[in-house]
Amino acid sequence: MALFKRRTVGKPGEWFYCLKHGTVEEGPQCRAADRFGPYATREEAAHAMETARERNLEWETDPKWHDMGKSQGDDGGEPRSS
């Protein structure tokens, strides 16, 4: 008996964007590693790649994620050589 049962039938109103096929799916049709979601609407799922690009840009330019004023080393000093 499997510990985790793979859900092959989706719930109505649960939308995903399949990265492998580049399509919007209602319910999980492709494996989890190949999809974004769930989204509340088909429209949101259709814009999944655009949303991901926008979020990536926000994270890349967010100063909280970059220690611009600190040194590169863990101890606040010079970076260690390998």
C-alpha atoms as a PDB file:
ATOM      1  CA  MET A   1       0.000   0.000   0.000  1.00  0.00           C
ATOM      2  CA  ALA A   2       1.393   3.382  -0.976  1.00  0.00           C
ATOM      3  CA  LEU A   3       2.000   5.864   1.776  1.00  0.00           C
ATOM      4  CA  PHE A   4       1.146   8.812  -0.453  1.00  0.00           C
ATOM      5  CA  LYS A   5      -1.549   8.437  -3.061  1.00  0.00           C
ATOM      6  CA  ARG A   6      -0.937  10.364  -6.273  1.00  0.00           C
ATOM      7  CA  ARG A   7      -3.910  12.521  -7.059  1.00  0.00           C
ATOM      8  CA  THR A   8      -4.717  12.237 -10.743  1.00  0.00           C
ATOM      9  CA  VAL A   9      -8.089  13.971 -10.760  1.00  0.00           C
ATOM     10  CA  GLY A  10      -8.142  17.699 -10.148  1.00  0.00           C
ATOM     11  CA  LYS A  11     -10.627  19.737  -8.228  1.00  0.00           C
ATOM     12  CA  PRO A  12     -12.934  21.988 -10.211  1.00  0.00           C
ATOM     13  CA  GLY A  13     -11.678  25.564 -10.058  1.00  0.00           C
ATOM     14  CA  GLU A  14      -8.070  24.577  -9.374  1.00  0.00           C
ATOM     15  CA  TRP A  15      -5.836  25.760 -12.234  1.00  0.00           C
ATOM     16  CA  PHE A  16      -2.197  25.033 -13.034  1.00  0.00           C
ATOM     17  CA  TYR A  17       0.329  26.086 -15.658  1.00  0.00           C
ATOM     18  CA  CYS A  18       2.300  23.157 -17.092  1.00  0.00           C
ATOM     19  CA  LEU A  19       5.917  24.164 -17.744  1.00  0.00           C
ATOM     20  CA  LYS A  20       6.594  21.088 -19.868  1.00  0.00           C
ATOM     21  CA  HIS A  21       3.685  21.575 -22.275  1.00  0.00           C
ATOM     22  CA  GLY A  22       3.177  25.342 -21.924  1.00  0.00           C
ATOM     23  CA  THR A  23      -0.525  24.876 -21.286  1.00  0.00           C
ATOM     24  CA  VAL A  24      -3.119  25.717 -18.660  1.00  0.00           C
ATOM     25  CA  GLU A  25      -4.670  22.696 -16.949  1.00  0.00           C
ATOM     26  CA  GLU A  26      -7.676  22.348 -14.699  1.00  0.00           C
ATOM     27  CA  GLY A  27      -6.541  20.171 -11.837  1.00  0.00           C
ATOM     28  CA  PRO A  28      -3.121  18.526 -11.574  1.00  0.00           C
ATOM     29  CA  GLN A  29      -2.610  16.667 -14.837  1.00  0.00           C
ATOM     30  CA  CYS A  30       1.192  16.776 -15.067  1.00  0.00           C
ATOM     31  CA  ARG A  31       3.674  16.018 -12.299  1.00  0.00           C
ATOM     32  CA  ALA A  32       4.252  18.654  -9.628  1.00  0.00           C
ATOM     33  CA  ALA A  33       7.836  19.374 -10.737  1.00  0.00           C
ATOM     34  CA  ASP A  34       6.506  20.441 -14.149  1.00  0.00           C
ATOM     35  CA  ARG A  35       3.821  22.888 -13.060  1.00  0.00           C
ATOM     36  CA  PHE A  36       3.092  26.179 -11.314  1.00  0.00           C
ATOM     37  CA  GLY A  37      -0.032  26.533  -9.220  1.00  0.00           C
ATOM     38  CA  PRO A  38      -2.643  26.135  -8.069  1.00  0.00           C
ATOM     39  CA  TYR A  39      -4.231  29.354  -9.251  1.00  0.00           C
ATOM     40  CA  ALA A  40      -7.764  30.498  -8.494  1.00  0.00           C
ATOM     41  CA  THR A  41      -8.643  31.237 -12.124  1.00  0.00           C
ATOM     42  CA  ARG A  42      -7.706  30.079 -15.601  1.00  0.00           C
ATOM     43  CA  GLU A  43      -6.603  33.650 -16.375  1.00  0.00           C
ATOM     44  CA  GLU A  44      -4.107  33.681 -13.471  1.00  0.00           C
ATOM     45  CA  ALA A  45      -2.675  30.344 -14.597  1.00  0.00           C
ATOM     46  CA  ALA A  46      -2.345  31.612 -18.167  1.00  0.00           C
ATOM     47  CA  HIS A  47      -0.129  34.460 -16.897  1.00  0.00           C
ATOM     48  CA  ALA A  48       2.027  32.235 -14.666  1.00  0.00           C
ATOM     49  CA  MET A  49       5.270  32.815 -16.582  1.00  0.00           C
ATOM     50  CA  GLU A  50       4.744  36.591 -16.628  1.00  0.00           C
ATOM     51  CA  THR A  51       4.031  36.556 -12.891  1.00  0.00           C
ATOM     52  CA  ALA A  52       7.183  34.493 -12.262  1.00  0.00           C
ATOM     53  CA  ARG A  53       9.318  36.928 -14.301  1.00  0.00           C
ATOM     54  CA  GLU A  54       7.912  39.897 -12.372  1.00  0.00           C
ATOM     55  CA  ARG A  55       8.556  38.227  -9.012  1.00  0.00           C
ATOM     56  CA  ASN A  56      12.083  37.245 -10.004  1.00  0.00           C
ATOM     57  CA  LEU A  57      12.838  40.831 -11.001  1.00  0.00           C
ATOM     58  CA  GLU A  58      11.449  42.100  -7.678  1.00  0.00           C
ATOM     59  CA  TRP A  59      13.621  39.635  -5.740  1.00  0.00           C
ATOM     60  CA  GLU A  60      16.733  40.414  -7.779  1.00  0.00           C
ATOM     61  CA  THR A  61      16.374  44.139  -7.117  1.00  0.00           C
ATOM     62  CA  ASP A  62      15.225  43.886  -3.471  1.00  0.00           C
ATOM     63  CA  PRO A  63      17.986  45.325  -1.242  1.00  0.00           C
ATOM     64  CA  LYS A  64      16.908  43.071   1.650  1.00  0.00           C
ATOM     65  CA  TRP A  65      18.219  40.069  -0.313  1.00  0.00           C
ATOM     66  CA  HIS A  66      21.604  41.635  -1.026  1.00  0.00           C
ATOM     67  CA  ASP A  67      24.198  42.600   1.564  1.00  0.00           C
ATOM     68  CA  MET A  68      25.632  45.453  -0.490  1.00  0.00           C
ATOM     69  CA  GLY A  69      27.414  47.090   2.425  1.00  0.00           C
ATOM     70  CA  LYS A  70      28.985  43.937   3.913  1.00  0.00           C
ATOM     71  CA  SER A  71      32.138  42.075   3.000  1.00  0.00           C
ATOM     72  CA  GLN A  72      31.897  38.789   1.163  1.00  0.00           C
ATOM     73  CA  GLY A  73      33.328  36.667   3.987  1.00  0.00           C
ATOM     74  CA  ASP A  74      31.214  35.034   6.680  1.00  0.00           C
ATOM     75  CA  ASP A  75      33.155  36.686   9.514  1.00  0.00           C
ATOM     76  CA  GLY A  76      32.888  40.229   8.189  1.00  0.00           C
ATOM     77  CA  GLY A  77      36.524  40.207   7.064  1.00  0.00           C
ATOM     78  CA  GLU A  78      38.263  39.299   3.864  1.00  0.00           C
ATOM     79  CA  PRO A  79      36.820  36.523   1.722  1.00  0.00           C
ATOM     80  CA  ARG A  80      38.447  33.167   2.378  1.00  0.00           C
ATOM     81  CA  SER A  81      40.430  31.490  -0.347  1.00  0.00           C
ATOM     82  CA  SER A  82      39.871  27.830  -1.160  1.00  0.00           C
END
